Amino acid sequence: MIKGYIVIKTKTVKRFLKHNRYIGSIEISTKDNCLYGKIIGINDLVSYEAKSVAELKISFIESLENYLETCKELGKEPEKA
């Protein structure tokens, strides 16, 4: 596991990523042979995808940082998860 990342396992198939108090889902597309997800607990749509778990973690962080930067540029308070 990469330092700073937490994967929360539940009794269901879903797993989650967490970074800076934001939580992202992990979904699997067997049709497209990829992993994808979105930040949950906010009204804005912030999604990410990748071919591996390691790449998905990076994509999640990059998408979150992009969301926070975009909010800053727009003068909008980012939603808190």
PDB file of N, CA and C in Angstrom:
ATOM      1  N   MET A   1       0.846  -1.176   0.000  1.00  0.00           N
ATOM      2  CA  MET A   1       0.000   0.000   0.000  1.00  0.00           C
ATOM      3  C   MET A   1       0.893   1.243   0.000  1.00  0.00           C
ATOM      4  N   ILE A   2       0.488   2.246  -0.752  1.00  0.00           N
ATOM      5  CA  ILE A   2       1.234   3.494  -0.827  1.00  0.00           C
ATOM      6  C   ILE A   2       0.947   4.317   0.424  1.00  0.00           C
ATOM      7  N   LYS A   3       1.999   4.865   1.007  1.00  0.00           N
ATOM      8  CA  LYS A   3       1.838   5.649   2.224  1.00  0.00           C
ATOM      9  C   LYS A   3       0.901   6.826   1.977  1.00  0.00           C
ATOM     10  N   GLY A   4      -0.006   7.073   2.899  1.00  0.00           N
ATOM     11  CA  GLY A   4      -0.948   8.168   2.787  1.00  0.00           C
ATOM     12  C   GLY A   4      -2.285   7.765   2.192  1.00  0.00           C
ATOM     13  N   TYR A   5      -2.398   6.536   1.761  1.00  0.00           N
ATOM     14  CA  TYR A   5      -3.643   6.054   1.185  1.00  0.00           C
ATOM     15  C   TYR A   5      -4.235   5.005   2.103  1.00  0.00           C
ATOM     16  N   ILE A   6      -5.541   4.989   2.173  1.00  0.00           N
ATOM     17  CA  ILE A   6      -6.227   3.999   2.989  1.00  0.00           C
ATOM     18  C   ILE A   6      -7.287   3.339   2.118  1.00  0.00           C
ATOM     19  N   VAL A   7      -7.297   2.040   2.098  1.00  0.00           N
ATOM     20  CA  VAL A   7      -8.368   1.313   1.445  1.00  0.00           C
ATOM     21  C   VAL A   7      -9.230   0.729   2.545  1.00  0.00           C
ATOM     22  N   ILE A   8     -10.495   1.106   2.561  1.00  0.00           N
ATOM     23  CA  ILE A   8     -11.424   0.632   3.580  1.00  0.00           C
ATOM     24  C   ILE A   8     -12.185  -0.550   2.996  1.00  0.00           C
ATOM     25  N   LYS A   9     -12.054  -1.702   3.600  1.00  0.00           N
ATOM     26  CA  LYS A   9     -12.756  -2.885   3.132  1.00  0.00           C
ATOM     27  C   LYS A   9     -14.053  -3.037   3.905  1.00  0.00           C
ATOM     28  N   THR A  10     -15.090  -3.389   3.198  1.00  0.00           N
ATOM     29  CA  THR A  10     -16.382  -3.620   3.833  1.00  0.00           C
ATOM     30  C   THR A  10     -16.808  -5.048   3.548  1.00  0.00           C
ATOM     31  N   LYS A  11     -17.953  -5.443   4.068  1.00  0.00           N
ATOM     32  CA  LYS A  11     -18.457  -6.794   3.843  1.00  0.00           C
ATOM     33  C   LYS A  11     -18.985  -6.972   2.432  1.00  0.00           C
ATOM     34  N   THR A  12     -19.230  -5.868   1.721  1.00  0.00           N
ATOM     35  CA  THR A  12     -19.674  -5.952   0.339  1.00  0.00           C
ATOM     36  C   THR A  12     -18.465  -5.909  -0.578  1.00  0.00           C
ATOM     37  N   VAL A  13     -18.692  -5.969  -1.853  1.00  0.00           N
ATOM     38  CA  VAL A  13     -17.610  -5.973  -2.839  1.00  0.00           C
ATOM     39  C   VAL A  13     -16.954  -4.601  -2.964  1.00  0.00           C
ATOM     40  N   LYS A  14     -17.672  -3.547  -2.631  1.00  0.00           N
ATOM     41  CA  LYS A  14     -17.144  -2.200  -2.796  1.00  0.00           C
ATOM     42  C   LYS A  14     -15.996  -1.930  -1.834  1.00  0.00           C
ATOM     43  N   ARG A  15     -15.078  -1.136  -2.316  1.00  0.00           N
ATOM     44  CA  ARG A  15     -13.969  -0.655  -1.509  1.00  0.00           C
ATOM     45  C   ARG A  15     -13.864   0.843  -1.742  1.00  0.00           C
ATOM     46  N   PHE A  16     -13.193   1.543  -0.858  1.00  0.00           N
ATOM     47  CA  PHE A  16     -13.125   2.989  -0.938  1.00  0.00           C
ATOM     48  C   PHE A  16     -11.703   3.480  -0.760  1.00  0.00           C
ATOM     49  N   LEU A  17     -11.422   4.631  -1.349  1.00  0.00           N
ATOM     50  CA  LEU A  17     -10.159   5.320  -1.167  1.00  0.00           C
ATOM     51  C   LEU A  17     -10.425   6.551  -0.295  1.00  0.00           C
ATOM     52  N   LYS A  18      -9.456   6.952   0.477  1.00  0.00           N
ATOM     53  CA  LYS A  18      -9.611   8.131   1.324  1.00  0.00           C
ATOM     54  C   LYS A  18      -8.364   8.985   1.223  1.00  0.00           C
ATOM     55  N   HIS A  19      -8.582  10.290   1.098  1.00  0.00           N
ATOM     56  CA  HIS A  19      -7.465  11.237   1.056  1.00  0.00           C
ATOM     57  C   HIS A  19      -7.982  12.599   1.512  1.00  0.00           C
ATOM     58  N   ASN A  20      -7.304  13.205   2.463  1.00  0.00           N
ATOM     59  CA  ASN A  20      -7.680  14.531   2.965  1.00  0.00           C
ATOM     60  C   ASN A  20      -9.173  14.642   3.281  1.00  0.00           C
ATOM     61  N   ARG A  21      -9.697  13.686   3.976  1.00  0.00           N
ATOM     62  CA  ARG A  21     -11.091  13.661   4.424  1.00  0.00           C
ATOM     63  C   ARG A  21     -12.098  13.506   3.289  1.00  0.00           C
ATOM     64  N   TYR A  22     -11.635  13.188   2.086  1.00  0.00           N
ATOM     65  CA  TYR A  22     -12.531  12.891   0.971  1.00  0.00           C
ATOM     66  C   TYR A  22     -12.497  11.390   0.729  1.00  0.00           C
ATOM     67  N   ILE A  23     -13.626  10.842   0.337  1.00  0.00           N
ATOM     68  CA  ILE A  23     -13.734   9.406   0.092  1.00  0.00           C
ATOM     69  C   ILE A  23     -14.135   9.187  -1.356  1.00  0.00           C
ATOM     70  N   GLY A  24     -13.464   8.243  -1.993  1.00  0.00           N
ATOM     71  CA  GLY A  24     -13.783   7.909  -3.374  1.00  0.00           C
ATOM     72  C   GLY A  24     -14.153   6.449  -3.500  1.00  0.00           C
ATOM     73  N   SER A  25     -15.078   6.178  -4.392  1.00  0.00           N
ATOM     74  CA  SER A  25     -15.512   4.800  -4.620  1.00  0.00           C
ATOM     75  C   SER A  25     -14.540   4.086  -5.559  1.00  0.00           C
ATOM     76  N   ILE A  26     -14.591   2.769  -5.526  1.00  0.00           N
ATOM     77  CA  ILE A  26     -13.848   1.934  -6.471  1.00  0.00           C
ATOM     78  C   ILE A  26     -14.859   0.993  -7.114  1.00  0.00           C
ATOM     79  N   GLU A  27     -14.976   1.081  -8.419  1.00  0.00           N
ATOM     80  CA  GLU A  27     -15.865   0.218  -9.184  1.00  0.00           C
ATOM     81  C   GLU A  27     -15.032  -0.506 -10.236  1.00  0.00           C
ATOM     82  N   ILE A  28     -15.552  -1.613 -10.711  1.00  0.00           N
ATOM     83  CA  ILE A  28     -14.856  -2.420 -11.718  1.00  0.00           C
ATOM     84  C   ILE A  28     -15.728  -2.518 -12.958  1.00  0.00           C
ATOM     85  N   SER A  29     -15.118  -2.257 -14.117  1.00  0.00           N
ATOM     86  CA  SER A  29     -15.812  -2.460 -15.386  1.00  0.00           C
ATOM     87  C   SER A  29     -15.130  -3.608 -16.118  1.00  0.00           C
ATOM     88  N   THR A  30     -15.770  -4.761 -16.119  1.00  0.00           N
ATOM     89  CA  THR A  30     -15.202  -5.894 -16.854  1.00  0.00           C
ATOM     90  C   THR A  30     -15.336  -5.672 -18.355  1.00  0.00           C
ATOM     91  N   LYS A  31     -16.353  -4.932 -18.762  1.00  0.00           N
ATOM     92  CA  LYS A  31     -16.548  -4.625 -20.181  1.00  0.00           C
ATOM     93  C   LYS A  31     -15.391  -3.789 -20.722  1.00  0.00           C
ATOM     94  N   ASP A  32     -15.011  -2.752 -19.972  1.00  0.00           N
ATOM     95  CA  ASP A  32     -13.938  -1.857 -20.409  1.00  0.00           C
ATOM     96  C   ASP A  32     -12.575  -2.231 -19.842  1.00  0.00           C
ATOM     97  N   ASN A  33     -12.538  -3.275 -19.001  1.00  0.00           N
ATOM     98  CA  ASN A  33     -11.297  -3.744 -18.389  1.00  0.00           C
ATOM     99  C   ASN A  33     -10.567  -2.615 -17.645  1.00  0.00           C
ATOM    100  N   CYS A  34     -11.319  -1.934 -16.783  1.00  0.00           N
ATOM    101  CA  CYS A  34     -10.712  -0.838 -16.025  1.00  0.00           C
ATOM    102  C   CYS A  34     -11.384  -0.695 -14.665  1.00  0.00           C
ATOM    103  N   LEU A  35     -10.775   0.104 -13.832  1.00  0.00           N
ATOM    104  CA  LEU A  35     -11.316   0.500 -12.539  1.00  0.00           C
ATOM    105  C   LEU A  35     -11.714   1.965 -12.652  1.00  0.00           C
ATOM    106  N   TYR A  36     -12.745   2.349 -11.935  1.00  0.00           N
ATOM    107  CA  TYR A  36     -13.172   3.740 -11.972  1.00  0.00           C
ATOM    108  C   TYR A  36     -13.887   4.076 -10.668  1.00  0.00           C
ATOM    109  N   GLY A  37     -14.127   5.347 -10.461  1.00  0.00           N
ATOM    110  CA  GLY A  37     -14.836   5.752  -9.266  1.00  0.00           C
ATOM    111  C   GLY A  37     -15.157   7.218  -9.296  1.00  0.00           C
ATOM    112  N   LYS A  38     -15.762   7.685  -8.207  1.00  0.00           N
ATOM    113  CA  LYS A  38     -16.073   9.102  -8.055  1.00  0.00           C
ATOM    114  C   LYS A  38     -15.984   9.458  -6.578  1.00  0.00           C
ATOM    115  N   ILE A  39     -15.756  10.734  -6.332  1.00  0.00           N
ATOM    116  CA  ILE A  39     -15.721  11.210  -4.954  1.00  0.00           C
ATOM    117  C   ILE A  39     -17.150  11.217  -4.441  1.00  0.00           C
ATOM    118  N   ILE A  40     -17.356  10.631  -3.285  1.00  0.00           N
ATOM    119  CA  ILE A  40     -18.695  10.524  -2.725  1.00  0.00           C
ATOM    120  C   ILE A  40     -18.863  11.507  -1.570  1.00  0.00           C
ATOM    121  N   GLY A  41     -20.103  11.905  -1.341  1.00  0.00           N
ATOM    122  CA  GLY A  41     -20.403  12.819  -0.244  1.00  0.00           C
ATOM    123  C   GLY A  41     -20.390  14.279  -0.645  1.00  0.00           C
ATOM    124  N   ILE A  42     -20.223  14.569  -1.953  1.00  0.00           N
ATOM    125  CA  ILE A  42     -20.290  15.943  -2.445  1.00  0.00           C
ATOM    126  C   ILE A  42     -21.265  15.964  -3.622  1.00  0.00           C
ATOM    127  N   ASN A  43     -21.819  17.127  -3.907  1.00  0.00           N
ATOM    128  CA  ASN A  43     -22.762  17.253  -5.016  1.00  0.00           C
ATOM    129  C   ASN A  43     -22.074  17.383  -6.366  1.00  0.00           C
ATOM    130  N   ASP A  44     -20.859  17.916  -6.412  1.00  0.00           N
ATOM    131  CA  ASP A  44     -20.120  18.027  -7.662  1.00  0.00           C
ATOM    132  C   ASP A  44     -19.675  16.639  -8.119  1.00  0.00           C
ATOM    133  N   LEU A  45     -19.618  16.439  -9.428  1.00  0.00           N
ATOM    134  CA  LEU A  45     -19.164  15.157  -9.964  1.00  0.00           C
ATOM    135  C   LEU A  45     -17.667  15.214 -10.222  1.00  0.00           C
ATOM    136  N   VAL A  46     -16.924  14.406  -9.496  1.00  0.00           N
ATOM    137  CA  VAL A  46     -15.482  14.283  -9.677  1.00  0.00           C
ATOM    138  C   VAL A  46     -15.199  12.801  -9.846  1.00  0.00           C
ATOM    139  N   SER A  47     -14.807  12.413 -11.057  1.00  0.00           N
ATOM    140  CA  SER A  47     -14.595  10.992 -11.346  1.00  0.00           C
ATOM    141  C   SER A  47     -13.151  10.742 -11.761  1.00  0.00           C
ATOM    142  N   TYR A  48     -12.780   9.467 -11.801  1.00  0.00           N
ATOM    143  CA  TYR A  48     -11.427   9.051 -12.136  1.00  0.00           C
ATOM    144  C   TYR A  48     -11.477   7.616 -12.626  1.00  0.00           C
ATOM    145  N   GLU A  49     -10.452   7.205 -13.379  1.00  0.00           N
ATOM    146  CA  GLU A  49     -10.383   5.820 -13.847  1.00  0.00           C
ATOM    147  C   GLU A  49      -8.936   5.438 -14.112  1.00  0.00           C
ATOM    148  N   ALA A  50      -8.689   4.127 -14.170  1.00  0.00           N
ATOM    149  CA  ALA A  50      -7.342   3.615 -14.398  1.00  0.00           C
ATOM    150  C   ALA A  50      -7.403   2.130 -14.720  1.00  0.00           C
ATOM    151  N   LYS A  51      -6.270   1.582 -15.091  1.00  0.00           N
ATOM    152  CA  LYS A  51      -6.173   0.158 -15.432  1.00  0.00           C
ATOM    153  C   LYS A  51      -5.719  -0.704 -14.253  1.00  0.00           C
ATOM    154  N   SER A  52      -5.130  -0.087 -13.225  1.00  0.00           N
ATOM    155  CA  SER A  52      -4.664  -0.857 -12.071  1.00  0.00           C
ATOM    156  C   SER A  52      -5.023  -0.116 -10.781  1.00  0.00           C
ATOM    157  N   VAL A  53      -4.937  -0.814  -9.676  1.00  0.00           N
ATOM    158  CA  VAL A  53      -5.238  -0.206  -8.374  1.00  0.00           C
ATOM    159  C   VAL A  53      -4.252   0.923  -8.082  1.00  0.00           C
ATOM    160  N   ALA A  54      -2.978   0.693  -8.352  1.00  0.00           N
ATOM    161  CA  ALA A  54      -1.969   1.733  -8.099  1.00  0.00           C
ATOM    162  C   ALA A  54      -2.261   2.980  -8.929  1.00  0.00           C
ATOM    163  N   GLU A  55      -2.621   2.793 -10.196  1.00  0.00           N
ATOM    164  CA  GLU A  55      -2.951   3.930 -11.059  1.00  0.00           C
ATOM    165  C   GLU A  55      -4.245   4.605 -10.608  1.00  0.00           C
ATOM    166  N   LEU A  56      -5.201   3.829 -10.096  1.00  0.00           N
ATOM    167  CA  LEU A  56      -6.458   4.397  -9.628  1.00  0.00           C
ATOM    168  C   LEU A  56      -6.225   5.302  -8.422  1.00  0.00           C
ATOM    169  N   LYS A  57      -5.358   4.903  -7.518  1.00  0.00           N
ATOM    170  CA  LYS A  57      -5.040   5.739  -6.363  1.00  0.00           C
ATOM    171  C   LYS A  57      -4.476   7.071  -6.814  1.00  0.00           C
ATOM    172  N   ILE A  58      -3.572   7.034  -7.788  1.00  0.00           N
ATOM    173  CA  ILE A  58      -2.975   8.265  -8.312  1.00  0.00           C
ATOM    174  C   ILE A  58      -4.030   9.114  -9.005  1.00  0.00           C
ATOM    175  N   SER A  59      -4.873   8.484  -9.819  1.00  0.00           N
ATOM    176  CA  SER A  59      -5.922   9.199 -10.537  1.00  0.00           C
ATOM    177  C   SER A  59      -6.912   9.845  -9.562  1.00  0.00           C
ATOM    178  N   PHE A  60      -7.243   9.149  -8.479  1.00  0.00           N
ATOM    179  CA  PHE A  60      -8.130   9.683  -7.441  1.00  0.00           C
ATOM    180  C   PHE A  60      -7.541  10.953  -6.837  1.00  0.00           C
ATOM    181  N   ILE A  61      -6.279  10.894  -6.452  1.00  0.00           N
ATOM    182  CA  ILE A  61      -5.617  12.055  -5.841  1.00  0.00           C
ATOM    183  C   ILE A  61      -5.537  13.209  -6.835  1.00  0.00           C
ATOM    184  N   GLU A  62      -5.158  12.916  -8.076  1.00  0.00           N
ATOM    185  CA  GLU A  62      -5.057  13.967  -9.093  1.00  0.00           C
ATOM    186  C   GLU A  62      -6.413  14.620  -9.347  1.00  0.00           C
ATOM    187  N   SER A  63      -7.469  13.813  -9.410  1.00  0.00           N
ATOM    188  CA  SER A  63      -8.816  14.351  -9.632  1.00  0.00           C
ATOM    189  C   SER A  63      -9.257  15.215  -8.455  1.00  0.00           C
ATOM    190  N   LEU A  64      -8.969  14.768  -7.246  1.00  0.00           N
ATOM    191  CA  LEU A  64      -9.316  15.540  -6.057  1.00  0.00           C
ATOM    192  C   LEU A  64      -8.558  16.861  -6.030  1.00  0.00           C
ATOM    193  N   GLU A  65      -7.259  16.818  -6.285  1.00  0.00           N
ATOM    194  CA  GLU A  65      -6.451  18.046  -6.284  1.00  0.00           C
ATOM    195  C   GLU A  65      -6.926  19.001  -7.382  1.00  0.00           C
ATOM    196  N   ASN A  66      -7.295  18.460  -8.543  1.00  0.00           N
ATOM    197  CA  ASN A  66      -7.820  19.276  -9.634  1.00  0.00           C
ATOM    198  C   ASN A  66      -9.140  19.931  -9.216  1.00  0.00           C
ATOM    199  N   TYR A  67     -10.000  19.178  -8.552  1.00  0.00           N
ATOM    200  CA  TYR A  67     -11.271  19.716  -8.050  1.00  0.00           C
ATOM    201  C   TYR A  67     -11.017  20.875  -7.078  1.00  0.00           C
ATOM    202  N   LEU A  68     -10.106  20.684  -6.136  1.00  0.00           N
ATOM    203  CA  LEU A  68      -9.811  21.722  -5.144  1.00  0.00           C
ATOM    204  C   LEU A  68      -9.217  22.960  -5.809  1.00  0.00           C
ATOM    205  N   GLU A  69      -8.338  22.759  -6.791  1.00  0.00           N
ATOM    206  CA  GLU A  69      -7.722  23.876  -7.512  1.00  0.00           C
ATOM    207  C   GLU A  69      -8.768  24.624  -8.346  1.00  0.00           C
ATOM    208  N   THR A  70      -9.666  23.888  -8.998  1.00  0.00           N
ATOM    209  CA  THR A  70     -10.721  24.510  -9.793  1.00  0.00           C
ATOM    210  C   THR A  70     -11.642  25.343  -8.907  1.00  0.00           C
ATOM    211  N   CYS A  71     -11.995  24.814  -7.754  1.00  0.00           N
ATOM    212  CA  CYS A  71     -12.820  25.576  -6.807  1.00  0.00           C
ATOM    213  C   CYS A  71     -12.119  26.867  -6.410  1.00  0.00           C
ATOM    214  N   LYS A  72     -10.837  26.776  -6.152  1.00  0.00           N
ATOM    215  CA  LYS A  72     -10.062  27.952  -5.755  1.00  0.00           C
ATOM    216  C   LYS A  72     -10.062  28.998  -6.871  1.00  0.00           C
ATOM    217  N   GLU A  73      -9.842  28.541  -8.111  1.00  0.00           N
ATOM    218  CA  GLU A  73      -9.821  29.463  -9.258  1.00  0.00           C
ATOM    219  C   GLU A  73     -11.170  30.136  -9.464  1.00  0.00           C
ATOM    220  N   LEU A  74     -12.254  29.419  -9.194  1.00  0.00           N
ATOM    221  CA  LEU A  74     -13.603  29.953  -9.374  1.00  0.00           C
ATOM    222  C   LEU A  74     -14.092  30.759  -8.164  1.00  0.00           C
ATOM    223  N   GLY A  75     -13.303  30.765  -7.099  1.00  0.00           N
ATOM    224  CA  GLY A  75     -13.704  31.450  -5.881  1.00  0.00           C
ATOM    225  C   GLY A  75     -14.844  30.733  -5.168  1.00  0.00           C
ATOM    226  N   LYS A  76     -14.924  29.422  -5.384  1.00  0.00           N
ATOM    227  CA  LYS A  76     -15.980  28.601  -4.797  1.00  0.00           C
ATOM    228  C   LYS A  76     -15.403  27.799  -3.641  1.00  0.00           C
ATOM    229  N   GLU A  77     -16.135  27.714  -2.568  1.00  0.00           N
ATOM    230  CA  GLU A  77     -15.720  26.874  -1.442  1.00  0.00           C
ATOM    231  C   GLU A  77     -15.920  25.408  -1.837  1.00  0.00           C
ATOM    232  N   PRO A  78     -14.866  24.574  -1.795  1.00  0.00           N
ATOM    233  CA  PRO A  78     -15.059  23.161  -2.128  1.00  0.00           C
ATOM    234  C   PRO A  78     -15.955  22.484  -1.100  1.00  0.00           C
ATOM    235  N   GLU A  79     -16.771  21.591  -1.610  1.00  0.00           N
ATOM    236  CA  GLU A  79     -17.634  20.844  -0.698  1.00  0.00           C
ATOM    237  C   GLU A  79     -16.790  19.901   0.128  1.00  0.00           C
ATOM    238  N   LYS A  80     -17.201  19.675   1.355  1.00  0.00           N
ATOM    239  CA  LYS A  80     -16.517  18.759   2.258  1.00  0.00           C
ATOM    240  C   LYS A  80     -17.268  17.449   2.297  1.00  0.00           C
ATOM    241  N   ALA A  81     -16.530  16.368   2.242  1.00  0.00           N
ATOM    242  CA  ALA A  81     -17.159  15.054   2.303  1.00  0.00           C
ATOM    243  C   ALA A  81     -17.501  14.710   3.739  1.00  0.00           C
TER     244      ALA A  81
END
